[in-house]
N, C-alpha and C. Protein backbone atom coordinates (compact mmCIF):
# COMPACT_ATOMS: atom_id res chain seq x y z
N MET A 1 110.95 121.42 60.79
CA MET A 1 111.53 120.38 61.66
C MET A 1 110.49 119.57 62.45
N LYS A 2 109.17 119.82 62.25
CA LYS A 2 108.15 119.12 62.99
C LYS A 2 108.01 117.70 62.33
N LYS A 3 108.30 117.67 60.99
CA LYS A 3 108.24 116.34 60.35
C LYS A 3 109.52 115.57 60.75
N PHE A 4 109.25 114.26 61.14
CA PHE A 4 110.45 113.51 61.56
C PHE A 4 111.40 113.23 60.37
N ALA A 5 110.85 113.20 59.18
CA ALA A 5 111.72 113.02 58.02
C ALA A 5 112.87 114.11 57.95
N ASP A 6 112.50 115.30 58.30
CA ASP A 6 113.49 116.44 58.30
C ASP A 6 114.64 116.18 59.34
N ILE A 7 114.13 115.72 60.56
CA ILE A 7 115.07 115.44 61.59
C ILE A 7 116.03 114.32 61.27
N ARG A 8 115.45 113.23 60.61
CA ARG A 8 116.28 112.11 60.20
C ARG A 8 117.23 112.54 59.12
N CYS A 9 116.86 113.47 58.20
CA CYS A 9 117.76 113.95 57.17
C CYS A 9 118.95 114.62 57.79
N ARG A 10 118.72 115.45 58.82
CA ARG A 10 119.75 116.18 59.50
C ARG A 10 120.68 115.18 60.14
N ALA A 11 120.13 114.16 60.79
CA ALA A 11 121.06 113.13 61.44
C ALA A 11 121.89 112.43 60.41
N GLU A 12 121.32 112.05 59.33
CA GLU A 12 122.06 111.32 58.29
C GLU A 12 123.14 112.25 57.64
N GLU A 13 122.87 113.52 57.51
CA GLU A 13 123.96 114.36 57.04
C GLU A 13 125.09 114.57 58.06
N ARG A 14 124.76 114.49 59.21
CA ARG A 14 125.83 114.62 60.33
C ARG A 14 126.63 113.27 60.47
N LYS A 15 125.97 112.14 60.42
CA LYS A 15 126.49 110.89 60.69
C LYS A 15 126.83 109.98 59.46
N GLY A 16 126.05 110.22 58.44
CA GLY A 16 126.08 109.31 57.30
C GLY A 16 124.94 108.25 57.48
N ALA A 17 124.25 107.86 56.47
CA ALA A 17 123.10 107.01 56.65
C ALA A 17 123.51 105.61 57.29
N ALA A 18 124.61 105.10 56.69
CA ALA A 18 125.06 103.69 57.07
C ALA A 18 125.53 103.80 58.56
N GLU A 19 126.25 104.88 58.96
CA GLU A 19 126.72 104.90 60.25
C GLU A 19 125.58 105.16 61.32
N LEU A 20 124.61 105.93 60.91
CA LEU A 20 123.52 106.18 61.78
C LEU A 20 122.75 104.92 62.05
N LYS A 21 122.59 104.10 61.00
CA LYS A 21 121.91 102.77 61.19
C LYS A 21 122.63 101.92 62.26
N LYS A 22 123.89 101.98 62.21
CA LYS A 22 124.72 101.14 63.20
C LYS A 22 124.52 101.66 64.64
N LEU A 23 124.14 102.93 64.82
CA LEU A 23 124.01 103.42 66.13
C LEU A 23 122.70 103.18 66.82
N LEU A 24 121.73 102.71 65.99
CA LEU A 24 120.37 102.47 66.54
C LEU A 24 120.37 101.27 67.50
N PRO A 25 119.86 101.54 68.70
CA PRO A 25 119.88 100.47 69.78
C PRO A 25 119.06 99.32 69.42
N ALA A 26 119.43 98.17 69.98
CA ALA A 26 118.63 96.92 69.87
C ALA A 26 117.38 97.02 70.61
N VAL A 27 116.27 96.58 70.06
CA VAL A 27 115.00 96.55 70.77
C VAL A 27 114.48 95.10 70.92
N ALA A 28 114.32 94.77 72.10
CA ALA A 28 113.91 93.33 72.43
C ALA A 28 112.42 93.12 72.11
N SER A 29 111.99 92.05 71.58
CA SER A 29 110.69 91.65 71.40
C SER A 29 109.96 91.37 72.82
N ASN A 30 108.69 91.48 72.85
CA ASN A 30 107.95 91.21 74.08
C ASN A 30 108.31 89.76 74.57
N ARG A 31 108.44 88.84 73.65
CA ARG A 31 108.78 87.50 74.04
C ARG A 31 110.24 87.47 74.70
N LYS A 32 111.15 88.20 74.15
CA LYS A 32 112.50 88.18 74.72
C LYS A 32 112.51 88.80 76.07
N LEU A 33 111.75 89.95 76.22
CA LEU A 33 111.68 90.65 77.56
C LEU A 33 111.15 89.76 78.65
N LYS A 34 110.15 88.84 78.26
CA LYS A 34 109.57 88.00 79.21
C LYS A 34 110.53 86.82 79.53
N ALA A 35 111.47 86.51 78.62
CA ALA A 35 112.33 85.34 78.75
C ALA A 35 113.59 85.72 79.70
N ILE A 36 113.80 87.03 79.83
CA ILE A 36 114.92 87.46 80.63
C ILE A 36 114.62 87.22 82.10
N SER A 37 115.51 86.59 82.87
CA SER A 37 115.27 86.22 84.23
C SER A 37 115.38 87.44 85.12
N ASP A 38 114.60 87.37 86.26
CA ASP A 38 114.52 88.41 87.20
C ASP A 38 115.91 88.88 87.74
N ASP A 39 116.78 87.99 87.87
CA ASP A 39 118.13 88.44 88.45
C ASP A 39 118.83 89.34 87.47
N ARG A 40 118.57 89.21 86.13
CA ARG A 40 119.23 90.07 85.16
C ARG A 40 118.57 91.45 85.28
N TYR A 41 117.32 91.58 85.42
CA TYR A 41 116.63 92.90 85.72
C TYR A 41 117.21 93.54 86.90
N LEU A 42 117.32 92.80 87.99
CA LEU A 42 117.87 93.35 89.28
C LEU A 42 119.30 93.72 89.00
N SER A 43 120.11 92.98 88.28
CA SER A 43 121.42 93.36 88.02
C SER A 43 121.55 94.64 87.33
N MET A 44 120.73 94.85 86.21
CA MET A 44 120.76 95.97 85.50
C MET A 44 120.33 97.21 86.20
N MET A 45 119.29 97.06 86.99
CA MET A 45 118.79 98.17 87.87
C MET A 45 119.97 98.65 88.74
N THR A 46 120.67 97.73 89.34
CA THR A 46 121.73 98.07 90.25
C THR A 46 122.89 98.71 89.52
N ARG A 47 123.19 98.21 88.40
CA ARG A 47 124.21 98.80 87.60
C ARG A 47 123.96 100.22 87.26
N CYS A 48 122.81 100.52 86.75
CA CYS A 48 122.41 101.93 86.40
C CYS A 48 122.39 102.82 87.62
N ILE A 49 121.94 102.29 88.74
CA ILE A 49 121.86 103.19 89.95
C ILE A 49 123.31 103.40 90.37
N ASN A 50 124.26 102.48 90.29
CA ASN A 50 125.60 102.71 90.77
C ASN A 50 126.35 103.56 89.77
N GLN A 51 125.92 103.53 88.49
CA GLN A 51 126.69 104.43 87.53
C GLN A 51 126.28 105.94 87.67
N ALA A 52 125.15 106.14 88.28
CA ALA A 52 124.72 107.52 88.46
C ALA A 52 125.67 108.26 89.34
N GLY A 53 126.41 109.25 88.92
CA GLY A 53 127.34 109.99 89.66
C GLY A 53 128.71 109.39 89.74
N PHE A 54 128.86 108.30 88.99
CA PHE A 54 130.19 107.56 88.96
C PHE A 54 130.62 107.47 87.50
N SER A 55 131.87 107.20 87.34
CA SER A 55 132.35 106.87 85.95
C SER A 55 131.70 105.51 85.50
N TRP A 56 131.06 105.49 84.35
CA TRP A 56 130.42 104.38 83.84
C TRP A 56 131.45 103.19 83.65
N LYS A 57 132.61 103.62 83.16
CA LYS A 57 133.73 102.64 82.89
C LYS A 57 134.09 102.00 84.09
N VAL A 58 134.33 102.75 85.24
CA VAL A 58 134.72 102.10 86.49
C VAL A 58 133.74 101.03 86.89
N ILE A 59 132.40 101.34 86.91
CA ILE A 59 131.40 100.40 87.28
C ILE A 59 131.44 99.13 86.31
N GLU A 60 131.54 99.39 85.04
CA GLU A 60 131.60 98.32 84.11
C GLU A 60 132.72 97.34 84.39
N ASN A 61 133.91 97.95 84.73
CA ASN A 61 135.09 97.12 85.01
C ASN A 61 134.98 96.33 86.28
N LYS A 62 134.22 96.92 87.23
CA LYS A 62 133.99 96.23 88.57
C LYS A 62 132.91 95.22 88.52
N TRP A 63 132.09 95.22 87.45
CA TRP A 63 130.84 94.48 87.45
C TRP A 63 130.93 93.00 87.85
N PRO A 64 131.92 92.27 87.26
CA PRO A 64 132.05 90.89 87.73
C PRO A 64 132.18 90.70 89.16
N GLU A 65 132.88 91.71 89.82
CA GLU A 65 132.93 91.53 91.32
C GLU A 65 131.60 91.83 92.00
N PHE A 66 130.83 92.77 91.49
CA PHE A 66 129.48 93.01 91.97
C PHE A 66 128.66 91.74 91.87
N GLU A 67 128.78 91.05 90.73
CA GLU A 67 127.95 89.93 90.55
C GLU A 67 128.39 88.76 91.51
N GLU A 68 129.67 88.71 91.81
CA GLU A 68 130.11 87.69 92.75
C GLU A 68 129.60 88.09 94.22
N ALA A 69 129.77 89.40 94.55
CA ALA A 69 129.47 89.88 95.92
C ALA A 69 127.96 89.66 96.25
N PHE A 70 127.13 89.91 95.17
CA PHE A 70 125.70 89.91 95.38
C PHE A 70 125.08 88.61 94.85
N PHE A 71 125.76 87.56 94.82
CA PHE A 71 125.22 86.21 94.62
C PHE A 71 124.44 86.18 93.19
N GLY A 72 125.11 86.78 92.16
CA GLY A 72 124.48 86.81 90.90
C GLY A 72 123.19 87.53 90.80
N PHE A 73 122.89 88.37 91.79
CA PHE A 73 121.60 89.12 91.94
C PHE A 73 120.33 88.23 91.94
N ASP A 74 120.57 87.07 92.53
CA ASP A 74 119.36 86.15 92.72
C ASP A 74 118.51 86.68 93.80
N PRO A 75 117.30 87.16 93.48
CA PRO A 75 116.38 87.74 94.44
C PRO A 75 116.08 86.80 95.63
N ARG A 76 116.00 85.53 95.36
CA ARG A 76 115.72 84.54 96.39
C ARG A 76 116.81 84.50 97.46
N ILE A 77 118.00 84.51 97.05
CA ILE A 77 119.18 84.46 97.96
C ILE A 77 119.27 85.88 98.69
N LEU A 78 119.15 86.94 97.94
CA LEU A 78 119.37 88.24 98.53
C LEU A 78 118.24 88.53 99.50
N SER A 79 117.07 87.98 99.31
CA SER A 79 115.99 88.32 100.26
C SER A 79 116.16 87.66 101.67
N LEU A 80 117.10 86.72 101.68
CA LEU A 80 117.40 85.98 102.97
C LEU A 80 118.48 86.66 103.80
N LEU A 81 119.19 87.59 103.25
CA LEU A 81 120.25 88.23 103.96
C LEU A 81 119.79 89.04 105.17
N SER A 82 120.52 89.00 106.23
CA SER A 82 120.21 89.70 107.46
C SER A 82 120.61 91.17 107.27
N PRO A 83 120.02 92.08 108.16
CA PRO A 83 120.41 93.46 108.21
C PRO A 83 121.92 93.59 108.35
N GLU A 84 122.58 92.74 109.17
CA GLU A 84 123.96 92.83 109.38
C GLU A 84 124.76 92.46 108.09
N GLN A 85 124.27 91.51 107.36
CA GLN A 85 124.96 91.17 106.08
C GLN A 85 124.84 92.27 105.13
N TRP A 86 123.70 92.91 105.03
CA TRP A 86 123.57 94.04 104.20
C TRP A 86 124.53 95.19 104.60
N GLU A 87 124.60 95.42 105.83
CA GLU A 87 125.43 96.50 106.35
C GLU A 87 126.97 96.22 106.06
N ALA A 88 127.26 94.87 106.05
CA ALA A 88 128.70 94.47 105.85
C ALA A 88 129.18 94.87 104.40
N TYR A 89 128.24 95.08 103.54
CA TYR A 89 128.64 95.51 102.16
C TYR A 89 129.30 96.87 102.16
N THR A 90 129.04 97.69 103.11
CA THR A 90 129.73 99.04 103.19
C THR A 90 131.21 98.87 103.36
N SER A 91 131.75 97.66 103.79
CA SER A 91 133.12 97.45 103.85
C SER A 91 133.68 96.50 102.84
N ASP A 92 132.83 96.06 101.84
CA ASP A 92 133.29 95.16 100.87
C ASP A 92 133.89 95.87 99.65
N ARG A 93 135.12 95.65 99.39
CA ARG A 93 135.82 96.31 98.32
C ARG A 93 135.42 95.91 96.97
N ARG A 94 134.59 94.79 96.88
CA ARG A 94 134.12 94.37 95.55
C ARG A 94 133.07 95.25 94.96
N VAL A 95 132.43 96.09 95.85
CA VAL A 95 131.25 96.91 95.41
C VAL A 95 131.53 98.37 95.73
N VAL A 96 130.66 99.22 95.24
CA VAL A 96 130.67 100.61 95.67
C VAL A 96 130.15 100.68 97.09
N ARG A 97 131.02 101.14 98.05
CA ARG A 97 130.60 101.06 99.37
C ARG A 97 129.88 102.40 99.80
N ASN A 98 128.77 102.54 99.21
CA ASN A 98 127.82 103.63 99.47
C ASN A 98 126.50 103.08 100.00
N TRP A 99 126.19 103.38 101.17
CA TRP A 99 125.01 102.77 101.82
C TRP A 99 123.76 102.99 101.05
N GLN A 100 123.55 104.18 100.53
CA GLN A 100 122.32 104.55 99.82
C GLN A 100 122.16 103.62 98.67
N LYS A 101 123.25 103.38 97.89
CA LYS A 101 123.11 102.49 96.74
C LYS A 101 122.92 101.02 97.12
N ILE A 102 123.61 100.61 98.17
CA ILE A 102 123.37 99.25 98.74
C ILE A 102 122.00 99.13 99.24
N LYS A 103 121.49 100.13 99.96
CA LYS A 103 120.07 100.08 100.42
C LYS A 103 119.10 99.95 99.25
N ALA A 104 119.37 100.72 98.19
CA ALA A 104 118.55 100.66 97.02
C ALA A 104 118.40 99.19 96.48
N LEU A 105 119.57 98.53 96.40
CA LEU A 105 119.46 97.11 95.95
C LEU A 105 118.65 96.30 96.93
N GLN A 106 118.85 96.50 98.23
CA GLN A 106 118.13 95.74 99.22
C GLN A 106 116.55 95.96 98.99
N GLU A 107 116.18 97.17 98.73
CA GLU A 107 114.76 97.56 98.54
C GLU A 107 114.31 96.96 97.18
N ASN A 108 115.17 97.06 96.21
CA ASN A 108 114.66 96.58 94.89
C ASN A 108 114.58 95.03 94.82
N VAL A 109 115.23 94.39 95.64
CA VAL A 109 115.06 92.90 95.73
C VAL A 109 113.57 92.67 95.94
N PHE A 110 113.01 93.30 96.86
CA PHE A 110 111.63 93.02 97.19
C PHE A 110 110.68 93.69 96.20
N PHE A 111 111.08 94.71 95.53
CA PHE A 111 110.30 95.29 94.39
C PHE A 111 110.23 94.33 93.28
N VAL A 112 111.29 93.74 92.86
CA VAL A 112 111.35 92.79 91.80
C VAL A 112 110.49 91.50 92.19
N GLN A 113 110.60 91.05 93.40
CA GLN A 113 109.83 89.90 93.83
C GLN A 113 108.38 90.19 93.83
N GLU A 114 107.98 91.44 94.26
CA GLU A 114 106.52 91.72 94.23
C GLU A 114 106.03 91.89 92.87
N VAL A 115 106.71 92.48 91.95
CA VAL A 115 106.27 92.57 90.57
C VAL A 115 106.15 91.14 89.99
N ALA A 116 107.14 90.34 90.21
CA ALA A 116 107.04 88.92 89.74
C ALA A 116 105.89 88.14 90.27
N ARG A 117 105.50 88.43 91.53
CA ARG A 117 104.39 87.74 92.15
C ARG A 117 103.13 88.11 91.47
N LYS A 118 102.98 89.39 91.19
CA LYS A 118 101.77 89.93 90.46
C LYS A 118 101.67 89.60 88.95
N HIS A 119 102.85 89.63 88.29
CA HIS A 119 102.79 89.61 86.84
C HIS A 119 103.42 88.30 86.33
N GLY A 120 103.99 87.47 87.07
CA GLY A 120 104.66 86.27 86.66
C GLY A 120 106.13 86.38 86.54
N SER A 121 106.62 87.59 86.19
CA SER A 121 108.06 87.94 86.14
C SER A 121 108.15 89.36 85.91
N PHE A 122 109.32 89.93 86.24
CA PHE A 122 109.48 91.33 85.98
C PHE A 122 109.46 91.69 84.46
N GLY A 123 109.96 90.75 83.71
CA GLY A 123 109.93 90.92 82.28
C GLY A 123 108.57 91.00 81.69
N ALA A 124 107.64 90.37 82.31
CA ALA A 124 106.19 90.35 81.83
C ALA A 124 105.63 91.74 82.07
N LEU A 125 106.00 92.36 83.14
CA LEU A 125 105.48 93.80 83.34
C LEU A 125 106.00 94.67 82.24
N LEU A 126 107.28 94.64 81.89
CA LEU A 126 107.83 95.50 80.86
C LEU A 126 107.27 95.13 79.52
N ALA A 127 107.11 93.86 79.29
CA ALA A 127 106.64 93.38 77.90
C ALA A 127 105.15 93.90 77.72
N ASN A 128 104.36 93.94 78.71
CA ASN A 128 103.00 94.24 78.55
C ASN A 128 102.71 95.79 78.73
N TRP A 129 103.66 96.50 79.05
CA TRP A 129 103.51 97.97 79.21
C TRP A 129 103.77 98.60 77.85
N PRO A 130 102.77 99.31 77.28
CA PRO A 130 102.91 99.92 75.93
C PRO A 130 103.93 101.03 75.88
N ALA A 131 104.70 101.09 74.83
CA ALA A 131 105.74 102.16 74.71
C ALA A 131 105.01 103.50 74.57
N SER A 132 103.75 103.52 74.15
CA SER A 132 103.03 104.83 74.01
C SER A 132 102.63 105.37 75.35
N ASP A 133 102.86 104.61 76.44
CA ASP A 133 102.59 105.13 77.80
C ASP A 133 103.79 105.00 78.71
N GLN A 134 104.93 105.33 78.11
CA GLN A 134 106.22 105.22 78.82
C GLN A 134 106.24 106.03 80.08
N VAL A 135 105.65 107.22 80.04
CA VAL A 135 105.69 108.12 81.16
C VAL A 135 105.06 107.50 82.41
N GLU A 136 104.02 106.77 82.24
CA GLU A 136 103.39 106.03 83.40
C GLU A 136 104.33 104.92 83.87
N LEU A 137 105.01 104.26 82.96
CA LEU A 137 105.99 103.26 83.40
C LEU A 137 107.06 103.87 84.25
N MET A 138 107.56 105.02 83.73
CA MET A 138 108.62 105.76 84.50
C MET A 138 108.14 106.08 85.90
N ARG A 139 106.85 106.56 86.02
CA ARG A 139 106.30 106.98 87.30
C ARG A 139 106.12 105.68 88.16
N TYR A 140 105.71 104.59 87.57
CA TYR A 140 105.57 103.36 88.40
C TYR A 140 106.95 102.92 88.94
N LEU A 141 107.96 102.94 88.14
CA LEU A 141 109.36 102.54 88.60
C LEU A 141 109.81 103.43 89.71
N LYS A 142 109.55 104.78 89.57
CA LYS A 142 109.98 105.69 90.61
C LYS A 142 109.19 105.51 91.91
N GLN A 143 107.91 105.31 91.81
CA GLN A 143 107.06 105.18 93.01
C GLN A 143 107.26 103.83 93.79
N HIS A 144 107.55 102.80 92.99
CA HIS A 144 107.59 101.47 93.70
C HIS A 144 109.04 100.94 93.81
N GLY A 145 109.93 101.36 92.95
CA GLY A 145 111.28 100.94 93.09
C GLY A 145 112.07 101.88 93.91
N SER A 146 113.36 101.72 94.10
CA SER A 146 114.24 102.56 94.89
C SER A 146 115.36 103.14 93.99
N ARG A 147 115.38 104.45 93.98
CA ARG A 147 116.32 105.25 93.17
C ARG A 147 116.18 104.86 91.65
N LEU A 148 114.98 104.68 91.27
CA LEU A 148 114.73 104.37 89.88
C LEU A 148 113.91 105.53 89.16
N GLY A 149 114.27 106.79 89.47
CA GLY A 149 113.76 107.83 88.82
C GLY A 149 114.73 108.41 87.82
N GLY A 150 114.18 109.34 86.99
CA GLY A 150 115.05 110.09 86.03
C GLY A 150 115.83 109.23 85.00
N GLN A 151 117.02 109.56 84.78
CA GLN A 151 117.90 108.91 83.82
C GLN A 151 118.22 107.49 84.20
N SER A 152 118.28 107.14 85.50
CA SER A 152 118.57 105.75 85.96
C SER A 152 117.55 104.81 85.40
N ALA A 153 116.27 105.22 85.46
CA ALA A 153 115.14 104.43 85.04
C ALA A 153 115.17 104.27 83.49
N LEU A 154 115.50 105.36 82.80
CA LEU A 154 115.47 105.34 81.34
C LEU A 154 116.59 104.47 80.78
N TRP A 155 117.80 104.55 81.38
CA TRP A 155 118.93 103.74 80.92
C TRP A 155 118.68 102.29 81.30
N PHE A 156 118.09 102.05 82.40
CA PHE A 156 117.71 100.62 82.78
C PHE A 156 116.76 100.03 81.72
N LEU A 157 115.79 100.79 81.33
CA LEU A 157 114.85 100.27 80.31
C LEU A 157 115.53 100.02 78.92
N ARG A 158 116.35 101.08 78.55
CA ARG A 158 117.03 100.97 77.26
C ARG A 158 118.02 99.84 77.26
N ARG A 159 118.78 99.64 78.25
CA ARG A 159 119.74 98.54 78.28
C ARG A 159 119.18 97.16 78.40
N MET A 160 118.00 97.06 78.90
CA MET A 160 117.32 95.72 78.92
C MET A 160 116.64 95.52 77.51
N GLY A 161 116.61 96.47 76.74
CA GLY A 161 115.96 96.32 75.35
C GLY A 161 114.51 96.76 75.30
N LYS A 162 113.98 97.33 76.33
CA LYS A 162 112.62 97.83 76.31
C LYS A 162 112.55 99.02 75.30
N ASP A 163 111.61 99.03 74.53
CA ASP A 163 111.48 100.20 73.51
C ASP A 163 111.11 101.41 74.33
N CYS A 164 111.97 102.43 74.25
CA CYS A 164 111.79 103.62 75.03
C CYS A 164 112.59 104.81 74.45
N PHE A 165 112.19 106.09 74.78
CA PHE A 165 112.97 107.24 74.45
C PHE A 165 113.83 107.60 75.62
N ILE A 166 114.90 108.29 75.34
CA ILE A 166 115.77 108.82 76.37
C ILE A 166 115.72 110.39 76.25
N LEU A 167 115.46 110.99 77.27
CA LEU A 167 115.43 112.53 77.31
C LEU A 167 116.75 113.10 77.57
N SER A 168 117.75 112.92 76.70
CA SER A 168 119.08 113.41 76.78
C SER A 168 119.06 114.94 76.46
N ARG A 169 120.14 115.60 76.76
CA ARG A 169 120.19 117.08 76.45
C ARG A 169 119.91 117.35 75.02
N ASP A 170 120.51 116.52 74.12
CA ASP A 170 120.26 116.78 72.68
C ASP A 170 118.86 116.49 72.25
N VAL A 171 118.22 115.52 72.82
CA VAL A 171 116.81 115.26 72.51
C VAL A 171 115.87 116.32 72.96
N VAL A 172 116.21 116.84 74.17
CA VAL A 172 115.35 117.95 74.68
C VAL A 172 115.56 119.16 73.83
N THR A 173 116.83 119.45 73.37
CA THR A 173 117.13 120.56 72.54
C THR A 173 116.24 120.54 71.30
N VAL A 174 116.11 119.38 70.67
CA VAL A 174 115.33 119.25 69.44
C VAL A 174 113.87 119.46 69.78
N LEU A 175 113.35 118.84 70.82
CA LEU A 175 111.99 119.11 71.26
C LEU A 175 111.65 120.53 71.50
N ASN A 176 112.61 121.31 72.10
CA ASN A 176 112.43 122.73 72.31
C ASN A 176 112.30 123.42 70.98
N SER A 177 113.23 122.98 70.00
CA SER A 177 113.30 123.66 68.72
C SER A 177 112.04 123.54 67.90
N ILE A 178 111.28 122.54 68.12
CA ILE A 178 110.11 122.33 67.35
C ILE A 178 108.83 122.90 68.10
N GLY A 179 109.10 123.54 69.18
CA GLY A 179 108.05 124.33 69.86
C GLY A 179 107.53 123.73 71.15
N LEU A 180 108.10 122.64 71.67
CA LEU A 180 107.70 122.05 72.92
C LEU A 180 108.22 122.92 74.06
N ASP A 181 107.39 123.44 74.90
CA ASP A 181 107.79 124.24 76.01
C ASP A 181 108.02 123.34 77.22
N ILE A 182 109.20 122.73 77.26
CA ILE A 182 109.52 121.88 78.37
C ILE A 182 110.88 122.26 78.92
N ALA A 183 111.16 121.92 80.21
CA ALA A 183 112.42 122.27 80.83
C ALA A 183 113.54 121.55 80.30
N SER A 184 114.76 122.10 80.42
CA SER A 184 115.98 121.50 79.99
C SER A 184 116.24 120.14 80.57
N ASN A 185 115.70 119.96 81.81
CA ASN A 185 115.80 118.66 82.46
C ASN A 185 114.34 118.29 82.84
N PRO A 186 113.51 117.81 81.88
CA PRO A 186 112.19 117.56 82.09
C PRO A 186 111.91 116.45 83.13
N THR A 187 111.27 116.82 84.28
CA THR A 187 110.90 115.82 85.32
C THR A 187 109.40 115.99 85.66
N SER A 188 108.71 117.06 85.39
CA SER A 188 107.32 117.24 85.74
C SER A 188 106.48 116.32 84.91
N GLN A 189 105.30 115.90 85.43
CA GLN A 189 104.46 115.09 84.56
C GLN A 189 103.95 115.88 83.34
N ARG A 190 103.78 117.22 83.46
CA ARG A 190 103.38 118.06 82.45
C ARG A 190 104.40 117.94 81.30
N ASP A 191 105.68 118.13 81.55
CA ASP A 191 106.73 118.14 80.57
C ASP A 191 106.88 116.71 79.98
N LEU A 192 106.85 115.72 80.79
CA LEU A 192 107.00 114.29 80.36
C LEU A 192 105.91 113.95 79.41
N LYS A 193 104.62 114.38 79.75
CA LYS A 193 103.57 114.01 78.89
C LYS A 193 103.61 114.73 77.50
N LYS A 194 104.13 115.93 77.49
CA LYS A 194 104.35 116.62 76.28
C LYS A 194 105.35 115.89 75.43
N ALA A 195 106.46 115.44 76.00
CA ALA A 195 107.45 114.70 75.24
C ALA A 195 106.88 113.36 74.76
N GLN A 196 106.07 112.67 75.58
CA GLN A 196 105.44 111.43 75.21
C GLN A 196 104.60 111.67 73.99
N ALA A 197 103.72 112.69 74.02
CA ALA A 197 102.84 112.97 72.92
C ALA A 197 103.64 113.18 71.53
N GLN A 198 104.75 113.87 71.71
CA GLN A 198 105.52 114.09 70.45
C GLN A 198 106.17 112.80 69.94
N PHE A 199 106.62 111.99 70.84
CA PHE A 199 107.21 110.70 70.38
C PHE A 199 106.12 109.79 69.88
N ASN A 200 104.94 109.84 70.49
CA ASN A 200 103.80 109.13 69.87
C ASN A 200 103.45 109.53 68.54
N ALA A 201 103.54 110.84 68.21
CA ALA A 201 103.16 111.38 66.89
C ALA A 201 104.27 110.95 65.93
N TRP A 202 105.55 110.93 66.32
CA TRP A 202 106.63 110.51 65.40
C TRP A 202 106.55 109.05 65.13
N HIS A 203 106.14 108.21 66.16
CA HIS A 203 105.98 106.78 65.93
C HIS A 203 104.89 106.60 64.93
N GLU A 204 103.79 107.27 65.01
CA GLU A 204 102.63 107.11 64.10
C GLU A 204 103.14 107.50 62.69
N GLU A 205 103.88 108.50 62.64
CA GLU A 205 104.51 109.05 61.30
C GLU A 205 105.38 108.11 60.58
N THR A 206 106.26 107.46 61.40
CA THR A 206 107.28 106.61 60.80
C THR A 206 107.13 105.13 60.96
N GLY A 207 106.44 104.69 62.07
CA GLY A 207 106.45 103.28 62.40
C GLY A 207 107.68 102.74 63.03
N LEU A 208 108.59 103.60 63.29
CA LEU A 208 109.83 103.22 63.89
C LEU A 208 109.72 102.98 65.37
N PRO A 209 110.56 102.17 65.93
CA PRO A 209 110.57 101.95 67.46
C PRO A 209 110.88 103.30 68.07
N TYR A 210 110.39 103.49 69.37
CA TYR A 210 110.64 104.69 70.03
C TYR A 210 112.18 104.85 70.32
N SER A 211 112.81 103.74 70.56
CA SER A 211 114.29 103.80 70.78
C SER A 211 115.01 104.29 69.57
N HIS A 212 114.65 103.92 68.40
CA HIS A 212 115.28 104.37 67.16
C HIS A 212 115.02 105.87 66.95
N ILE A 213 113.77 106.24 67.19
CA ILE A 213 113.39 107.63 67.02
C ILE A 213 114.24 108.51 67.93
N SER A 214 114.33 108.10 69.18
CA SER A 214 115.11 108.83 70.20
C SER A 214 116.56 109.03 69.75
N ARG A 215 117.20 107.89 69.24
CA ARG A 215 118.57 107.95 68.92
C ARG A 215 118.77 108.78 67.70
N ILE A 216 117.89 108.73 66.77
CA ILE A 216 118.02 109.59 65.54
C ILE A 216 117.90 111.00 65.88
N VAL A 217 116.95 111.35 66.74
CA VAL A 217 116.80 112.75 67.26
C VAL A 217 118.08 113.28 67.87
N SER A 218 118.68 112.41 68.78
CA SER A 218 119.81 112.88 69.48
C SER A 218 121.02 113.07 68.56
N CYS A 219 121.13 112.37 67.37
CA CYS A 219 122.12 112.56 66.45
C CYS A 219 121.90 113.65 65.42
N SER A 220 120.84 114.35 65.57
CA SER A 220 120.49 115.49 64.65
C SER A 220 120.93 116.84 65.14
N THR A 221 121.52 116.88 66.28
CA THR A 221 121.97 118.17 66.88
C THR A 221 123.13 118.02 67.81
N GLY A 222 123.75 119.11 68.32
CA GLY A 222 124.84 118.97 69.21
C GLY A 222 126.16 118.79 68.58
N GLU A 223 127.09 118.27 69.38
CA GLU A 223 128.49 118.14 68.91
C GLU A 223 128.90 116.76 68.48
N ASN A 224 127.88 115.83 68.32
CA ASN A 224 128.21 114.40 68.01
C ASN A 224 128.22 114.14 66.53
N TYR A 225 129.09 114.94 65.88
CA TYR A 225 129.25 114.63 64.40
C TYR A 225 130.06 113.33 64.25
N LEU A 226 130.02 112.81 63.01
CA LEU A 226 130.79 111.57 62.73
C LEU A 226 132.19 111.89 62.84
């Protein structure tokens, strides 16, 4: 099972080769990542943060109201809101009225602006960060952003098209099965770097994007049969 070809074979047996191919996530080019405007990155950050602990479907259905309430997530407009205006969102039925999640957006407005000031745009930061060093990108998002640790950061990257692996339960199960001694919910730098090294090895072996490797691995085990 250490050879990725064996893992892919298992995934194809479970899903079917054609169906597995359909499940592979889209990966944006560096040019496309740079072309995405900062408001879209801020929007997706906020969506992933709000979906943590909530039904994803509920947040998806409410998202047009979020966009309206938060001025299309334009950092320039949001940076001008007063503390009273931010606090008023705790009574706004268009959004999730959770102060910690609202405060995260308030803080991430300035995070996105600071990154754009240093790199030209938020997309430029992601585009220039190598997939082979994803763990450091995760640490950067956690340290400098608000509530952008763990799965929220990973899903934010994936849904914006950044090439990245997701450490889902099934992916960790496979990593454990090939001998990686990491926790079932890997959060330590030790465990994350072990996972990164294995994905780097699989990428060298196959030439596939990290996002595709991650999805194939997740389909090779668990209850997600076709």
